[in-house]
N, C-alpha and C. Protein backbone atom coordinates (compact mmCIF):
# COMPACT_ATOMS: atom_id res chain seq x y z
N MET A 1 0.85 -1.18 0.00
CA MET A 1 0.00 0.00 0.00
C MET A 1 0.89 1.24 0.00
N ALA A 2 0.76 2.03 -1.03
CA ALA A 2 1.54 3.26 -1.10
C ALA A 2 0.87 4.35 -0.27
N LEU A 3 1.66 5.02 0.53
CA LEU A 3 1.15 6.13 1.34
C LEU A 3 1.15 7.40 0.51
N PRO A 4 0.20 8.28 0.74
CA PRO A 4 0.25 9.58 0.05
C PRO A 4 1.43 10.39 0.60
N ASP A 5 1.94 11.27 -0.22
CA ASP A 5 3.00 12.17 0.24
C ASP A 5 2.46 13.07 1.35
N MET A 6 3.37 13.44 2.26
CA MET A 6 2.99 14.39 3.31
C MET A 6 2.79 15.77 2.69
N LEU A 7 1.96 16.55 3.31
CA LEU A 7 1.80 17.94 2.91
C LEU A 7 2.86 18.75 3.66
N PRO A 8 3.42 19.78 3.03
CA PRO A 8 4.41 20.59 3.74
C PRO A 8 3.77 21.26 4.96
N PRO A 9 4.47 21.23 6.10
CA PRO A 9 3.93 21.88 7.30
C PRO A 9 4.06 23.40 7.19
N ALA A 10 3.40 24.11 8.09
CA ALA A 10 3.45 25.57 8.10
C ALA A 10 4.83 26.09 8.47
N GLN A 11 5.54 25.37 9.33
CA GLN A 11 6.88 25.81 9.74
C GLN A 11 7.94 25.32 8.75
N PRO A 12 9.11 25.95 8.76
CA PRO A 12 10.18 25.49 7.86
C PRO A 12 10.48 24.00 8.06
N ALA A 13 10.69 23.30 6.95
CA ALA A 13 10.91 21.86 7.02
C ALA A 13 11.82 21.41 5.89
N GLN A 14 12.50 20.30 6.14
CA GLN A 14 13.33 19.68 5.10
C GLN A 14 12.50 18.61 4.40
N GLN A 15 12.60 18.58 3.09
CA GLN A 15 11.88 17.58 2.29
C GLN A 15 12.79 16.39 2.04
N HIS A 16 12.22 15.18 2.17
CA HIS A 16 12.96 13.94 1.92
C HIS A 16 12.09 13.02 1.07
N SER A 17 12.72 12.20 0.28
CA SER A 17 12.03 11.16 -0.45
C SER A 17 12.48 9.82 0.11
N LEU A 18 11.57 9.09 0.72
CA LEU A 18 11.91 7.81 1.35
C LEU A 18 11.50 6.66 0.45
N LEU A 19 12.42 5.73 0.26
CA LEU A 19 12.13 4.50 -0.45
C LEU A 19 11.94 3.41 0.61
N HIS A 20 10.78 2.80 0.63
CA HIS A 20 10.48 1.79 1.64
C HIS A 20 10.80 0.39 1.14
N HIS A 21 10.86 -0.55 2.10
CA HIS A 21 11.22 -1.93 1.78
C HIS A 21 10.27 -2.58 0.77
N ASP A 22 9.04 -2.07 0.68
CA ASP A 22 8.07 -2.66 -0.25
C ASP A 22 8.16 -2.02 -1.64
N GLY A 23 9.16 -1.15 -1.83
CA GLY A 23 9.37 -0.53 -3.13
C GLY A 23 8.61 0.76 -3.33
N THR A 24 7.74 1.12 -2.38
CA THR A 24 7.00 2.37 -2.52
C THR A 24 7.89 3.53 -2.09
N ARG A 25 7.57 4.68 -2.60
CA ARG A 25 8.33 5.89 -2.29
C ARG A 25 7.35 6.93 -1.74
N ARG A 26 7.83 7.75 -0.81
CA ARG A 26 6.97 8.76 -0.19
C ARG A 26 7.79 10.01 0.11
N THR A 27 7.23 11.16 -0.19
CA THR A 27 7.83 12.43 0.18
C THR A 27 7.36 12.80 1.58
N VAL A 28 8.32 13.12 2.45
CA VAL A 28 7.99 13.52 3.82
C VAL A 28 8.68 14.85 4.11
N PHE A 29 8.19 15.54 5.12
CA PHE A 29 8.75 16.82 5.54
C PHE A 29 9.07 16.73 7.03
N CYS A 30 10.28 17.17 7.40
CA CYS A 30 10.73 17.10 8.78
C CYS A 30 11.05 18.50 9.28
N THR A 31 10.45 18.84 10.42
CA THR A 31 10.79 20.10 11.08
C THR A 31 11.86 19.80 12.13
N ASP A 32 12.33 20.83 12.80
CA ASP A 32 13.29 20.63 13.89
C ASP A 32 12.60 20.35 15.22
N ALA A 33 11.27 20.34 15.23
CA ALA A 33 10.53 20.16 16.49
C ALA A 33 10.54 18.71 16.95
N GLU A 34 10.71 18.52 18.24
CA GLU A 34 10.58 17.20 18.86
C GLU A 34 9.49 17.27 19.91
N VAL A 35 8.58 16.32 19.87
CA VAL A 35 7.51 16.23 20.86
C VAL A 35 7.97 15.27 21.94
N ALA A 36 7.94 15.73 23.18
CA ALA A 36 8.38 14.89 24.31
C ALA A 36 7.39 13.77 24.56
N PHE A 37 7.92 12.60 24.79
CA PHE A 37 7.09 11.45 25.14
C PHE A 37 6.53 11.71 26.54
N PRO A 38 5.21 11.62 26.71
CA PRO A 38 4.64 11.94 28.03
C PRO A 38 4.99 10.88 29.08
N ASP A 39 5.32 11.35 30.27
CA ASP A 39 5.63 10.44 31.37
C ASP A 39 4.41 9.58 31.69
N GLY A 40 4.66 8.33 32.03
CA GLY A 40 3.61 7.44 32.49
C GLY A 40 2.72 6.85 31.41
N HIS A 41 3.08 7.06 30.16
CA HIS A 41 2.26 6.51 29.06
C HIS A 41 3.03 5.43 28.32
N LEU A 42 2.31 4.54 27.71
CA LEU A 42 2.86 3.53 26.81
C LEU A 42 2.13 3.64 25.48
N ILE A 43 2.90 3.60 24.42
CA ILE A 43 2.30 3.54 23.08
C ILE A 43 2.20 2.07 22.71
N VAL A 44 1.03 1.66 22.28
CA VAL A 44 0.82 0.26 21.88
C VAL A 44 0.18 0.25 20.50
N SER A 45 0.75 -0.60 19.65
CA SER A 45 0.14 -0.81 18.33
C SER A 45 0.34 -2.26 17.94
N ARG A 46 -0.49 -2.71 17.03
CA ARG A 46 -0.35 -4.04 16.46
C ARG A 46 -0.39 -3.90 14.95
N VAL A 47 0.36 -4.77 14.27
CA VAL A 47 0.32 -4.83 12.82
C VAL A 47 0.09 -6.26 12.40
N ASP A 48 -0.39 -6.44 11.17
CA ASP A 48 -0.52 -7.79 10.63
C ASP A 48 0.83 -8.21 10.06
N THR A 49 0.89 -9.37 9.46
CA THR A 49 2.18 -9.86 8.97
C THR A 49 2.71 -9.04 7.80
N ALA A 50 1.87 -8.23 7.19
CA ALA A 50 2.31 -7.35 6.10
C ALA A 50 2.76 -5.99 6.63
N GLY A 51 2.68 -5.79 7.96
CA GLY A 51 3.11 -4.52 8.55
C GLY A 51 2.03 -3.44 8.53
N LEU A 52 0.79 -3.84 8.28
CA LEU A 52 -0.31 -2.86 8.26
C LEU A 52 -0.88 -2.73 9.67
N ILE A 53 -1.10 -1.51 10.11
CA ILE A 53 -1.55 -1.24 11.48
C ILE A 53 -2.98 -1.73 11.65
N THR A 54 -3.17 -2.57 12.71
CA THR A 54 -4.50 -3.10 13.00
C THR A 54 -5.04 -2.59 14.33
N HIS A 55 -4.17 -2.01 15.16
CA HIS A 55 -4.58 -1.46 16.45
C HIS A 55 -3.67 -0.30 16.81
N ALA A 56 -4.26 0.76 17.33
CA ALA A 56 -3.50 1.93 17.79
C ALA A 56 -4.17 2.43 19.07
N ASN A 57 -3.43 2.41 20.20
CA ASN A 57 -4.05 2.92 21.41
C ASN A 57 -4.06 4.45 21.36
N ASP A 58 -4.74 5.05 22.34
CA ASP A 58 -4.90 6.50 22.32
C ASP A 58 -3.55 7.23 22.37
N ALA A 59 -2.59 6.71 23.14
CA ALA A 59 -1.28 7.36 23.23
C ALA A 59 -0.57 7.34 21.88
N PHE A 60 -0.72 6.24 21.15
CA PHE A 60 -0.11 6.15 19.82
C PHE A 60 -0.73 7.18 18.89
N VAL A 61 -2.05 7.26 18.90
CA VAL A 61 -2.72 8.22 18.03
C VAL A 61 -2.25 9.64 18.37
N GLU A 62 -2.20 9.96 19.66
CA GLU A 62 -1.80 11.31 20.06
C GLU A 62 -0.35 11.61 19.66
N MET A 63 0.57 10.69 19.94
CA MET A 63 1.98 10.95 19.65
C MET A 63 2.27 10.96 18.15
N SER A 64 1.51 10.19 17.37
CA SER A 64 1.80 10.08 15.94
C SER A 64 1.45 11.35 15.16
N GLY A 65 0.50 12.11 15.68
CA GLY A 65 0.06 13.28 14.94
C GLY A 65 -0.90 12.95 13.79
N TYR A 66 -1.33 11.70 13.74
CA TYR A 66 -2.30 11.27 12.73
C TYR A 66 -3.63 10.97 13.41
N LEU A 67 -4.69 10.94 12.64
CA LEU A 67 -5.97 10.48 13.13
C LEU A 67 -5.96 8.95 13.16
N ARG A 68 -6.72 8.37 14.07
CA ARG A 68 -6.79 6.90 14.15
C ARG A 68 -7.18 6.32 12.78
N GLU A 69 -8.10 6.99 12.09
CA GLU A 69 -8.55 6.51 10.80
C GLU A 69 -7.43 6.52 9.76
N GLN A 70 -6.47 7.42 9.92
CA GLN A 70 -5.32 7.46 9.01
C GLN A 70 -4.32 6.35 9.32
N LEU A 71 -4.26 5.96 10.60
CA LEU A 71 -3.29 4.94 11.01
C LEU A 71 -3.76 3.52 10.69
N LEU A 72 -5.01 3.23 11.01
CA LEU A 72 -5.51 1.86 10.82
C LEU A 72 -5.52 1.50 9.34
N GLY A 73 -4.83 0.41 9.04
CA GLY A 73 -4.71 -0.05 7.66
C GLY A 73 -3.50 0.50 6.93
N ALA A 74 -2.83 1.49 7.53
CA ALA A 74 -1.63 2.06 6.91
C ALA A 74 -0.40 1.22 7.28
N PRO A 75 0.60 1.20 6.41
CA PRO A 75 1.84 0.51 6.79
C PRO A 75 2.51 1.25 7.95
N HIS A 76 3.14 0.47 8.85
CA HIS A 76 3.74 1.09 10.03
C HIS A 76 4.84 2.07 9.63
N HIS A 77 5.39 1.94 8.44
CA HIS A 77 6.44 2.88 8.04
C HIS A 77 5.87 4.27 7.76
N ILE A 78 4.61 4.49 8.01
CA ILE A 78 4.05 5.85 7.95
C ILE A 78 4.80 6.75 8.95
N LEU A 79 5.42 6.12 9.97
CA LEU A 79 6.13 6.86 11.02
C LEU A 79 7.62 6.97 10.76
N ARG A 80 8.10 6.39 9.66
CA ARG A 80 9.55 6.34 9.45
C ARG A 80 10.14 7.72 9.29
N HIS A 81 11.10 8.02 10.14
CA HIS A 81 11.85 9.28 10.06
C HIS A 81 13.08 9.04 9.20
N PRO A 82 13.42 9.99 8.33
CA PRO A 82 14.59 9.77 7.47
C PRO A 82 15.92 9.68 8.23
N ASP A 83 15.94 10.04 9.49
CA ASP A 83 17.17 9.89 10.28
C ASP A 83 17.41 8.46 10.73
N MET A 84 16.43 7.58 10.54
CA MET A 84 16.59 6.18 10.95
C MET A 84 17.33 5.40 9.86
N PRO A 85 18.37 4.66 10.25
CA PRO A 85 19.10 3.86 9.24
C PRO A 85 18.27 2.64 8.82
N ARG A 86 18.43 2.26 7.57
CA ARG A 86 17.70 1.09 7.07
C ARG A 86 18.05 -0.16 7.86
N ALA A 87 19.29 -0.26 8.33
CA ALA A 87 19.74 -1.45 9.04
C ALA A 87 18.95 -1.67 10.34
N ALA A 88 18.50 -0.60 10.97
CA ALA A 88 17.73 -0.75 12.21
C ALA A 88 16.44 -1.50 11.94
N PHE A 89 15.74 -1.13 10.88
CA PHE A 89 14.48 -1.80 10.57
C PHE A 89 14.71 -3.19 10.00
N ALA A 90 15.80 -3.37 9.27
CA ALA A 90 16.13 -4.70 8.77
C ALA A 90 16.35 -5.65 9.94
N ASP A 91 17.05 -5.16 10.97
CA ASP A 91 17.29 -5.97 12.17
C ASP A 91 15.97 -6.27 12.88
N LEU A 92 15.12 -5.26 13.00
CA LEU A 92 13.81 -5.46 13.64
C LEU A 92 13.04 -6.57 12.94
N TRP A 93 12.88 -6.45 11.62
CA TRP A 93 12.05 -7.42 10.89
C TRP A 93 12.69 -8.80 10.85
N ALA A 94 14.01 -8.87 10.77
CA ALA A 94 14.68 -10.18 10.79
C ALA A 94 14.48 -10.86 12.15
N THR A 95 14.56 -10.06 13.22
CA THR A 95 14.43 -10.62 14.57
C THR A 95 13.01 -11.12 14.82
N VAL A 96 12.02 -10.28 14.58
CA VAL A 96 10.64 -10.71 14.86
C VAL A 96 10.18 -11.75 13.84
N GLY A 97 10.72 -11.68 12.62
CA GLY A 97 10.37 -12.68 11.62
C GLY A 97 10.88 -14.07 12.00
N ALA A 98 11.94 -14.10 12.82
CA ALA A 98 12.48 -15.36 13.31
C ALA A 98 11.78 -15.79 14.60
N GLY A 99 10.75 -15.04 15.00
CA GLY A 99 9.97 -15.41 16.18
C GLY A 99 10.53 -14.91 17.50
N ARG A 100 11.48 -13.95 17.44
CA ARG A 100 12.09 -13.45 18.67
C ARG A 100 11.65 -12.01 18.96
N LYS A 101 11.84 -11.61 20.21
CA LYS A 101 11.52 -10.26 20.66
C LYS A 101 12.62 -9.30 20.24
N TRP A 102 12.26 -8.09 19.83
CA TRP A 102 13.23 -7.07 19.43
C TRP A 102 13.07 -5.85 20.33
N HIS A 103 14.19 -5.27 20.73
CA HIS A 103 14.20 -4.03 21.49
C HIS A 103 15.05 -3.02 20.74
N GLY A 104 14.67 -1.77 20.78
CA GLY A 104 15.52 -0.77 20.17
C GLY A 104 14.98 0.63 20.32
N TYR A 105 15.83 1.57 20.00
CA TYR A 105 15.47 2.99 20.05
C TYR A 105 15.10 3.44 18.65
N VAL A 106 13.99 4.16 18.57
CA VAL A 106 13.46 4.56 17.26
C VAL A 106 13.06 6.03 17.30
N LYS A 107 13.49 6.74 16.27
CA LYS A 107 13.04 8.13 16.06
C LYS A 107 11.91 8.07 15.05
N ASN A 108 10.74 8.51 15.48
CA ASN A 108 9.55 8.47 14.62
C ASN A 108 9.21 9.84 14.08
N LEU A 109 8.59 9.84 12.91
CA LEU A 109 8.13 11.06 12.27
C LEU A 109 6.63 11.21 12.48
N ARG A 110 6.23 12.34 13.03
CA ARG A 110 4.81 12.62 13.23
C ARG A 110 4.17 13.12 11.93
N GLY A 111 2.88 13.13 11.90
CA GLY A 111 2.16 13.61 10.74
C GLY A 111 2.35 15.09 10.47
N ASP A 112 2.78 15.84 11.50
CA ASP A 112 3.00 17.28 11.33
C ASP A 112 4.46 17.62 11.05
N GLY A 113 5.31 16.60 10.86
CA GLY A 113 6.71 16.82 10.55
C GLY A 113 7.64 16.86 11.75
N ALA A 114 7.09 16.92 12.96
CA ALA A 114 7.91 16.86 14.16
C ALA A 114 8.32 15.40 14.38
N CYS A 115 9.15 15.17 15.38
CA CYS A 115 9.59 13.80 15.67
C CYS A 115 9.35 13.47 17.13
N TYR A 116 9.46 12.19 17.45
CA TYR A 116 9.48 11.74 18.85
C TYR A 116 10.27 10.45 18.91
N TRP A 117 11.00 10.29 20.00
CA TRP A 117 11.81 9.10 20.22
C TRP A 117 11.07 8.14 21.14
N VAL A 118 11.30 6.85 20.90
CA VAL A 118 10.73 5.81 21.75
C VAL A 118 11.77 4.72 21.99
N TYR A 119 11.56 3.99 23.08
CA TYR A 119 12.25 2.72 23.28
C TYR A 119 11.19 1.67 23.00
N ALA A 120 11.38 0.90 21.94
CA ALA A 120 10.35 -0.03 21.47
C ALA A 120 10.70 -1.47 21.80
N THR A 121 9.66 -2.21 22.14
CA THR A 121 9.75 -3.67 22.27
C THR A 121 8.70 -4.23 21.32
N VAL A 122 9.16 -5.08 20.40
CA VAL A 122 8.26 -5.67 19.41
C VAL A 122 8.29 -7.18 19.57
N VAL A 123 7.10 -7.77 19.67
CA VAL A 123 6.99 -9.22 19.83
C VAL A 123 6.08 -9.79 18.76
N PRO A 124 6.40 -11.00 18.27
CA PRO A 124 5.49 -11.65 17.33
C PRO A 124 4.26 -12.17 18.08
N ASN A 125 3.11 -12.07 17.46
CA ASN A 125 1.87 -12.64 18.02
C ASN A 125 1.67 -13.99 17.36
N VAL A 126 1.91 -15.04 18.13
CA VAL A 126 1.82 -16.40 17.59
C VAL A 126 0.47 -17.00 17.97
N ARG A 127 -0.25 -17.44 16.99
CA ARG A 127 -1.56 -18.08 17.18
C ARG A 127 -1.51 -19.46 16.53
N GLN A 128 -1.71 -20.48 17.37
CA GLN A 128 -1.70 -21.88 16.90
C GLN A 128 -0.42 -22.18 16.12
N GLY A 129 0.71 -21.67 16.64
CA GLY A 129 2.01 -21.96 16.05
C GLY A 129 2.38 -21.12 14.85
N VAL A 130 1.55 -20.17 14.49
CA VAL A 130 1.80 -19.35 13.31
C VAL A 130 1.84 -17.88 13.71
N VAL A 131 2.82 -17.13 13.19
CA VAL A 131 2.88 -15.69 13.46
C VAL A 131 1.71 -15.02 12.74
N ALA A 132 0.86 -14.36 13.55
CA ALA A 132 -0.34 -13.72 13.01
C ALA A 132 -0.18 -12.21 12.92
N GLY A 133 0.91 -11.69 13.45
CA GLY A 133 1.15 -10.25 13.46
C GLY A 133 2.18 -9.92 14.51
N TYR A 134 2.27 -8.65 14.84
CA TYR A 134 3.28 -8.19 15.79
C TYR A 134 2.68 -7.09 16.67
N THR A 135 3.11 -7.08 17.93
CA THR A 135 2.70 -6.04 18.87
C THR A 135 3.92 -5.24 19.25
N SER A 136 3.78 -3.92 19.25
CA SER A 136 4.87 -3.03 19.65
C SER A 136 4.40 -2.20 20.83
N VAL A 137 5.22 -2.20 21.88
CA VAL A 137 4.97 -1.37 23.06
C VAL A 137 6.15 -0.42 23.17
N ARG A 138 5.86 0.87 23.20
CA ARG A 138 6.91 1.87 23.25
C ARG A 138 6.79 2.69 24.53
N ARG A 139 7.94 3.01 25.08
CA ARG A 139 7.98 3.84 26.29
C ARG A 139 9.02 4.94 26.11
N LYS A 140 9.03 5.84 27.08
CA LYS A 140 9.91 7.00 27.02
C LYS A 140 11.37 6.56 27.17
N PRO A 141 12.21 6.99 26.25
CA PRO A 141 13.64 6.69 26.39
C PRO A 141 14.33 7.76 27.23
N SER A 142 15.47 7.43 27.77
CA SER A 142 16.24 8.45 28.50
C SER A 142 16.88 9.40 27.49
N ARG A 143 17.14 10.62 27.91
CA ARG A 143 17.79 11.59 27.01
C ARG A 143 19.22 11.14 26.68
N ALA A 144 19.87 10.45 27.60
CA ALA A 144 21.22 9.94 27.33
C ALA A 144 21.18 8.93 26.18
N LYS A 145 20.19 8.05 26.17
CA LYS A 145 20.07 7.05 25.09
C LYS A 145 19.69 7.73 23.78
N VAL A 146 18.84 8.75 23.83
CA VAL A 146 18.50 9.48 22.61
C VAL A 146 19.76 10.10 22.00
N ALA A 147 20.59 10.71 22.85
CA ALA A 147 21.84 11.30 22.34
C ALA A 147 22.75 10.21 21.77
N GLU A 148 22.87 9.10 22.48
CA GLU A 148 23.72 8.00 22.02
C GLU A 148 23.25 7.47 20.67
N TYR A 149 21.96 7.25 20.53
CA TYR A 149 21.44 6.67 19.29
C TYR A 149 21.34 7.69 18.16
N THR A 150 21.21 8.94 18.48
CA THR A 150 21.27 9.97 17.43
C THR A 150 22.63 9.90 16.73
N ALA A 151 23.69 9.83 17.53
CA ALA A 151 25.04 9.76 16.96
C ALA A 151 25.27 8.44 16.22
N LEU A 152 24.85 7.34 16.83
CA LEU A 152 25.04 6.02 16.21
C LEU A 152 24.29 5.93 14.87
N TYR A 153 23.05 6.37 14.85
CA TYR A 153 22.27 6.28 13.62
C TYR A 153 22.83 7.20 12.53
N ALA A 154 23.37 8.33 12.91
CA ALA A 154 24.00 9.22 11.91
C ALA A 154 25.20 8.50 11.26
N GLN A 155 25.99 7.79 12.07
CA GLN A 155 27.12 7.02 11.54
C GLN A 155 26.63 5.91 10.62
N MET A 156 25.57 5.22 11.04
CA MET A 156 25.04 4.11 10.24
C MET A 156 24.49 4.62 8.90
N ARG A 157 23.80 5.74 8.92
CA ARG A 157 23.26 6.30 7.68
C ARG A 157 24.38 6.73 6.75
N ALA A 158 25.44 7.31 7.31
CA ALA A 158 26.58 7.76 6.49
C ALA A 158 27.25 6.58 5.80
N ALA A 159 27.15 5.39 6.39
CA ALA A 159 27.79 4.21 5.81
C ALA A 159 26.88 3.48 4.83
N GLU A 160 25.61 3.90 4.72
CA GLU A 160 24.69 3.23 3.81
C GLU A 160 25.07 3.51 2.35
N PRO A 161 24.85 2.53 1.48
CA PRO A 161 25.10 2.76 0.06
C PRO A 161 24.28 3.96 -0.43
N GLY A 162 24.93 4.80 -1.20
CA GLY A 162 24.24 5.97 -1.75
C GLY A 162 24.23 7.16 -0.83
N ALA A 163 24.81 7.01 0.40
CA ALA A 163 24.85 8.15 1.32
C ALA A 163 25.82 9.20 0.78
N ALA A 164 25.48 10.46 1.01
CA ALA A 164 26.36 11.55 0.58
C ALA A 164 27.66 11.49 1.36
N ALA A 165 28.77 11.67 0.68
CA ALA A 165 30.08 11.60 1.35
C ALA A 165 30.38 12.91 2.05
């Protein structure tokens, strides 16, 4: 499912063209704004085996900057921020595809072009021995980990094929 391009936000933003693992391409806009993850909340979502969102709790809807109706049925990469290296998501999908739990830090892109960081735990939902989808629970990361992963992901992106030298 190809996502529509984002509309440019009212504030200054950088335009990016993202190529997703399914071959679709999407234009996104990123501002310098970061929305703080609210204390005491957990973001919960579920996707089917194709990565399409089947459940979004209220915290997810609020943090994503999208309407619930826009999220349900959309590919989870609707949140992909261009600062995230492809290898991070490749590791996520390889891990959960093998039936194991994945943990990691993720910078997400909101519908308004701002970002938010999460510490995500993704588990496969196994029904009668078959993976039926995946559940992701995200919580607030420490600022020290955000700084650490910001630097690490910048290095990983710089090493990706086609990265600007």
